Amino acid sequence: MTGRTDVTDVTDADFEAEVIGAELPVLVEFTADWCPPCRQMAPVLKALASEEGDRLKVVRLDVDANPERTNAYKVLSMPTFMVFRDGEPVKSMVGARAKRRLLEELADVL
């Protein structure tokens, strides 16, 4: 399996390279170990990465370990999903959701 068909963990250190500099749109999940809805989203994001990997990169950022990006994008609730395109955040969604709803919300950025 290539990296593009799975959910990658990113950090403050490699966010620039992995997200800002990505060729594809990137869905970033701002997540935390202590967040039950975030854990619920893991299989949804894995399926999304697997199915849409040629059109969308899916990554996770642990908010506790990476306060710099979390604060820079004013993330207050977990999970928060942000879509970045051409290095800019173009969409933001808060809270767990079903894969079908997530795909519908992503339709305009894919």
N, C-alpha and C. Protein backbone atom coordinates (compact mmCIF):
# COMPACT_ATOMS: atom_id res chain seq x y z
N MET A 1 0.83 -1.19 0.00
CA MET A 1 0.00 0.00 0.00
C MET A 1 0.88 1.25 0.00
N THR A 2 0.59 2.18 -0.86
CA THR A 2 1.36 3.41 -0.88
C THR A 2 0.84 4.36 0.19
N GLY A 3 1.63 5.37 0.50
CA GLY A 3 1.25 6.32 1.52
C GLY A 3 -0.03 7.07 1.19
N ARG A 4 -0.32 7.20 -0.09
CA ARG A 4 -1.48 8.00 -0.49
C ARG A 4 -2.80 7.30 -0.21
N THR A 5 -2.79 6.01 0.02
CA THR A 5 -4.06 5.33 0.27
C THR A 5 -4.30 5.14 1.75
N ASP A 6 -3.49 5.78 2.57
CA ASP A 6 -3.69 5.66 4.01
C ASP A 6 -3.65 7.04 4.65
N VAL A 7 -4.03 7.10 5.91
CA VAL A 7 -4.03 8.35 6.65
C VAL A 7 -2.63 8.53 7.25
N THR A 8 -2.01 9.66 6.95
CA THR A 8 -0.66 9.93 7.42
C THR A 8 -0.71 10.83 8.64
N ASP A 9 0.18 10.60 9.59
CA ASP A 9 0.28 11.52 10.72
C ASP A 9 1.24 12.64 10.36
N VAL A 10 0.83 13.89 10.58
CA VAL A 10 1.71 15.03 10.33
C VAL A 10 1.96 15.75 11.65
N THR A 11 3.02 16.56 11.66
CA THR A 11 3.41 17.30 12.87
C THR A 11 3.63 18.77 12.50
N ASP A 12 3.83 19.59 13.52
CA ASP A 12 4.19 20.98 13.27
C ASP A 12 5.40 21.04 12.34
N ALA A 13 6.35 20.13 12.56
CA ALA A 13 7.62 20.16 11.82
C ALA A 13 7.45 19.87 10.34
N ASP A 14 6.59 18.89 9.98
CA ASP A 14 6.49 18.55 8.55
C ASP A 14 5.19 19.02 7.90
N PHE A 15 4.40 19.82 8.62
CA PHE A 15 3.12 20.32 8.09
C PHE A 15 3.32 21.08 6.78
N GLU A 16 4.33 21.92 6.77
CA GLU A 16 4.63 22.72 5.58
C GLU A 16 4.82 21.83 4.35
N ALA A 17 5.65 20.80 4.49
CA ALA A 17 5.95 19.91 3.37
C ALA A 17 4.76 19.02 3.02
N GLU A 18 4.12 18.46 4.03
CA GLU A 18 3.06 17.47 3.81
C GLU A 18 1.72 18.07 3.40
N VAL A 19 1.41 19.26 3.92
CA VAL A 19 0.09 19.86 3.69
C VAL A 19 0.17 21.09 2.79
N ILE A 20 0.95 22.08 3.21
CA ILE A 20 1.03 23.34 2.46
C ILE A 20 1.61 23.11 1.06
N GLY A 21 2.61 22.23 0.97
CA GLY A 21 3.26 22.01 -0.31
C GLY A 21 2.69 20.87 -1.13
N ALA A 22 1.58 20.27 -0.68
CA ALA A 22 1.01 19.11 -1.38
C ALA A 22 0.40 19.51 -2.71
N GLU A 23 0.50 18.61 -3.68
CA GLU A 23 -0.10 18.85 -5.00
C GLU A 23 -1.61 18.65 -4.96
N LEU A 24 -2.04 17.64 -4.22
CA LEU A 24 -3.47 17.35 -4.11
C LEU A 24 -4.09 18.19 -3.00
N PRO A 25 -5.43 18.34 -3.02
CA PRO A 25 -6.08 18.90 -1.84
C PRO A 25 -5.80 17.97 -0.65
N VAL A 26 -5.70 18.55 0.54
CA VAL A 26 -5.38 17.77 1.74
C VAL A 26 -6.49 17.96 2.77
N LEU A 27 -7.02 16.85 3.27
CA LEU A 27 -7.96 16.89 4.38
C LEU A 27 -7.16 16.63 5.65
N VAL A 28 -7.13 17.62 6.55
CA VAL A 28 -6.41 17.49 7.81
C VAL A 28 -7.43 17.27 8.92
N GLU A 29 -7.26 16.19 9.68
CA GLU A 29 -8.07 16.01 10.87
C GLU A 29 -7.24 16.46 12.06
N PHE A 30 -7.71 17.49 12.75
CA PHE A 30 -7.09 17.90 14.02
C PHE A 30 -7.72 17.02 15.08
N THR A 31 -6.90 16.17 15.71
CA THR A 31 -7.41 15.10 16.55
C THR A 31 -6.68 15.04 17.87
N ALA A 32 -7.19 14.20 18.77
CA ALA A 32 -6.54 14.00 20.07
C ALA A 32 -6.84 12.58 20.56
N ASP A 33 -5.89 12.01 21.29
CA ASP A 33 -6.06 10.65 21.81
C ASP A 33 -7.26 10.53 22.74
N TRP A 34 -7.56 11.60 23.47
CA TRP A 34 -8.62 11.58 24.48
C TRP A 34 -10.01 11.85 23.92
N CYS A 35 -10.12 11.94 22.60
CA CYS A 35 -11.36 12.37 21.95
C CYS A 35 -12.10 11.17 21.33
N PRO A 36 -13.20 10.68 21.96
CA PRO A 36 -13.93 9.54 21.40
C PRO A 36 -14.45 9.75 19.97
N PRO A 37 -15.03 10.93 19.63
CA PRO A 37 -15.48 11.11 18.24
C PRO A 37 -14.32 11.03 17.23
N CYS A 38 -13.13 11.43 17.67
CA CYS A 38 -11.96 11.33 16.79
C CYS A 38 -11.66 9.86 16.49
N ARG A 39 -11.76 9.02 17.53
CA ARG A 39 -11.52 7.59 17.32
C ARG A 39 -12.58 6.99 16.39
N GLN A 40 -13.82 7.48 16.51
CA GLN A 40 -14.89 7.01 15.61
C GLN A 40 -14.57 7.35 14.16
N MET A 41 -13.87 8.44 13.94
CA MET A 41 -13.58 8.90 12.58
C MET A 41 -12.45 8.11 11.91
N ALA A 42 -11.63 7.40 12.70
CA ALA A 42 -10.47 6.70 12.13
C ALA A 42 -10.84 5.78 10.96
N PRO A 43 -11.83 4.87 11.10
CA PRO A 43 -12.16 4.00 9.97
C PRO A 43 -12.75 4.77 8.79
N VAL A 44 -13.48 5.85 9.08
CA VAL A 44 -14.07 6.68 8.01
C VAL A 44 -12.96 7.33 7.19
N LEU A 45 -11.97 7.89 7.89
CA LEU A 45 -10.87 8.56 7.19
C LEU A 45 -10.01 7.56 6.43
N LYS A 46 -9.83 6.37 7.01
CA LYS A 46 -9.05 5.34 6.33
C LYS A 46 -9.73 4.92 5.03
N ALA A 47 -11.06 4.75 5.08
CA ALA A 47 -11.82 4.40 3.88
C ALA A 47 -11.76 5.52 2.85
N LEU A 48 -11.87 6.76 3.33
CA LEU A 48 -11.81 7.92 2.45
C LEU A 48 -10.45 8.00 1.75
N ALA A 49 -9.39 7.79 2.52
CA ALA A 49 -8.04 7.83 1.95
C ALA A 49 -7.87 6.74 0.91
N SER A 50 -8.42 5.58 1.19
CA SER A 50 -8.31 4.45 0.29
C SER A 50 -9.07 4.69 -1.02
N GLU A 51 -10.28 5.24 -0.89
CA GLU A 51 -11.14 5.43 -2.06
C GLU A 51 -10.80 6.69 -2.87
N GLU A 52 -10.36 7.73 -2.19
CA GLU A 52 -10.14 9.02 -2.86
C GLU A 52 -8.65 9.40 -2.93
N GLY A 53 -7.77 8.44 -2.67
CA GLY A 53 -6.34 8.72 -2.59
C GLY A 53 -5.73 9.36 -3.81
N ASP A 54 -6.36 9.17 -4.98
CA ASP A 54 -5.83 9.80 -6.19
C ASP A 54 -6.27 11.25 -6.31
N ARG A 55 -7.28 11.66 -5.52
CA ARG A 55 -7.79 13.04 -5.60
C ARG A 55 -7.61 13.83 -4.32
N LEU A 56 -7.34 13.12 -3.21
CA LEU A 56 -7.31 13.77 -1.91
C LEU A 56 -6.30 13.07 -1.01
N LYS A 57 -5.51 13.87 -0.32
CA LYS A 57 -4.57 13.35 0.67
C LYS A 57 -5.23 13.52 2.04
N VAL A 58 -5.19 12.49 2.87
CA VAL A 58 -5.82 12.55 4.19
C VAL A 58 -4.75 12.41 5.26
N VAL A 59 -4.69 13.40 6.16
CA VAL A 59 -3.68 13.39 7.22
C VAL A 59 -4.32 13.71 8.56
N ARG A 60 -3.59 13.35 9.62
CA ARG A 60 -4.03 13.58 11.01
C ARG A 60 -2.98 14.42 11.72
N LEU A 61 -3.43 15.35 12.54
CA LEU A 61 -2.51 16.14 13.35
C LEU A 61 -2.97 16.04 14.80
N ASP A 62 -2.10 15.55 15.67
CA ASP A 62 -2.40 15.44 17.10
C ASP A 62 -2.26 16.83 17.72
N VAL A 63 -3.39 17.38 18.21
CA VAL A 63 -3.38 18.76 18.71
C VAL A 63 -2.52 18.93 19.96
N ASP A 64 -2.45 17.89 20.78
CA ASP A 64 -1.66 18.00 22.01
C ASP A 64 -0.16 18.03 21.73
N ALA A 65 0.25 17.30 20.72
CA ALA A 65 1.68 17.22 20.40
C ALA A 65 2.11 18.34 19.44
N ASN A 66 1.14 19.02 18.83
CA ASN A 66 1.46 20.01 17.80
C ASN A 66 0.67 21.31 18.01
N PRO A 67 0.98 22.03 19.09
CA PRO A 67 0.20 23.23 19.43
C PRO A 67 0.38 24.38 18.42
N GLU A 68 1.50 24.41 17.75
CA GLU A 68 1.78 25.53 16.83
C GLU A 68 0.73 25.63 15.72
N ARG A 69 0.50 24.53 15.00
CA ARG A 69 -0.50 24.54 13.92
C ARG A 69 -1.92 24.62 14.47
N THR A 70 -2.15 23.95 15.58
CA THR A 70 -3.48 23.97 16.20
C THR A 70 -3.87 25.41 16.52
N ASN A 71 -2.95 26.18 17.11
CA ASN A 71 -3.22 27.58 17.46
C ASN A 71 -3.27 28.46 16.22
N ALA A 72 -2.39 28.18 15.26
CA ALA A 72 -2.34 29.00 14.05
C ALA A 72 -3.67 28.98 13.30
N TYR A 73 -4.34 27.82 13.32
CA TYR A 73 -5.62 27.70 12.61
C TYR A 73 -6.82 27.81 13.56
N LYS A 74 -6.54 28.24 14.81
CA LYS A 74 -7.59 28.50 15.80
C LYS A 74 -8.53 27.31 15.99
N VAL A 75 -7.94 26.12 16.09
CA VAL A 75 -8.73 24.91 16.29
C VAL A 75 -9.06 24.78 17.78
N LEU A 76 -10.35 24.73 18.09
CA LEU A 76 -10.79 24.67 19.48
C LEU A 76 -11.51 23.37 19.82
N SER A 77 -12.13 22.75 18.84
CA SER A 77 -12.91 21.53 19.08
C SER A 77 -12.33 20.36 18.31
N MET A 78 -12.47 19.16 18.88
CA MET A 78 -12.00 17.96 18.19
C MET A 78 -13.20 17.07 17.87
N PRO A 79 -13.22 16.41 16.74
CA PRO A 79 -12.27 16.66 15.65
C PRO A 79 -12.68 17.88 14.83
N THR A 80 -11.68 18.58 14.33
CA THR A 80 -11.89 19.62 13.33
C THR A 80 -11.25 19.13 12.04
N PHE A 81 -11.95 19.27 10.96
CA PHE A 81 -11.42 18.90 9.64
C PHE A 81 -11.19 20.17 8.85
N MET A 82 -10.02 20.29 8.24
CA MET A 82 -9.74 21.42 7.36
C MET A 82 -9.24 20.88 6.04
N VAL A 83 -9.74 21.48 4.98
CA VAL A 83 -9.26 21.12 3.65
C VAL A 83 -8.33 22.24 3.20
N PHE A 84 -7.14 21.84 2.79
CA PHE A 84 -6.16 22.78 2.26
C PHE A 84 -6.00 22.53 0.77
N ARG A 85 -6.03 23.60 -0.01
CA ARG A 85 -5.76 23.50 -1.44
C ARG A 85 -4.79 24.60 -1.81
N ASP A 86 -3.74 24.24 -2.52
CA ASP A 86 -2.70 25.21 -2.91
C ASP A 86 -2.16 25.95 -1.68
N GLY A 87 -2.04 25.22 -0.56
CA GLY A 87 -1.44 25.79 0.64
C GLY A 87 -2.37 26.61 1.51
N GLU A 88 -3.62 26.78 1.09
CA GLU A 88 -4.56 27.60 1.84
C GLU A 88 -5.71 26.76 2.39
N PRO A 89 -6.16 27.06 3.62
CA PRO A 89 -7.36 26.38 4.11
C PRO A 89 -8.58 26.90 3.37
N VAL A 90 -9.31 26.01 2.70
CA VAL A 90 -10.46 26.42 1.90
C VAL A 90 -11.79 25.99 2.51
N LYS A 91 -11.73 25.10 3.51
CA LYS A 91 -12.96 24.61 4.13
C LYS A 91 -12.65 24.11 5.53
N SER A 92 -13.58 24.30 6.43
CA SER A 92 -13.41 23.83 7.80
C SER A 92 -14.72 23.23 8.30
N MET A 93 -14.64 22.08 8.96
CA MET A 93 -15.82 21.39 9.48
C MET A 93 -15.48 20.89 10.88
N VAL A 94 -16.43 21.00 11.80
CA VAL A 94 -16.19 20.57 13.17
C VAL A 94 -17.13 19.42 13.52
N GLY A 95 -16.57 18.38 14.14
CA GLY A 95 -17.39 17.28 14.64
C GLY A 95 -17.34 16.05 13.76
N ALA A 96 -17.59 14.91 14.39
CA ALA A 96 -17.61 13.64 13.66
C ALA A 96 -18.81 13.61 12.72
N ARG A 97 -18.66 12.90 11.62
CA ARG A 97 -19.75 12.76 10.66
C ARG A 97 -19.59 11.44 9.90
N ALA A 98 -20.67 10.99 9.30
CA ALA A 98 -20.64 9.76 8.51
C ALA A 98 -19.85 10.01 7.22
N LYS A 99 -19.31 8.94 6.67
CA LYS A 99 -18.50 9.08 5.46
C LYS A 99 -19.29 9.72 4.32
N ARG A 100 -20.56 9.33 4.17
CA ARG A 100 -21.36 9.88 3.07
C ARG A 100 -21.49 11.40 3.21
N ARG A 101 -21.74 11.85 4.44
CA ARG A 101 -21.88 13.29 4.67
C ARG A 101 -20.54 14.00 4.44
N LEU A 102 -19.46 13.37 4.90
CA LEU A 102 -18.14 13.96 4.71
C LEU A 102 -17.84 14.10 3.21
N LEU A 103 -18.15 13.06 2.44
CA LEU A 103 -17.93 13.12 0.99
C LEU A 103 -18.76 14.23 0.35
N GLU A 104 -20.00 14.37 0.79
CA GLU A 104 -20.86 15.44 0.26
C GLU A 104 -20.25 16.80 0.55
N GLU A 105 -19.72 16.96 1.75
CA GLU A 105 -19.13 18.25 2.14
C GLU A 105 -17.83 18.52 1.41
N LEU A 106 -17.17 17.45 0.95
CA LEU A 106 -15.91 17.61 0.26
C LEU A 106 -16.09 17.77 -1.25
N ALA A 107 -17.29 17.51 -1.74
CA ALA A 107 -17.53 17.48 -3.18
C ALA A 107 -17.06 18.74 -3.90
N ASP A 108 -17.27 19.89 -3.27
CA ASP A 108 -16.91 21.14 -3.95
C ASP A 108 -15.41 21.44 -3.92
N VAL A 109 -14.65 20.70 -3.14
CA VAL A 109 -13.21 20.97 -3.12
C VAL A 109 -12.39 19.87 -3.80
N LEU A 110 -13.06 18.78 -4.17
CA LEU A 110 -12.33 17.69 -4.85
C LEU A 110 -12.31 17.91 -6.35
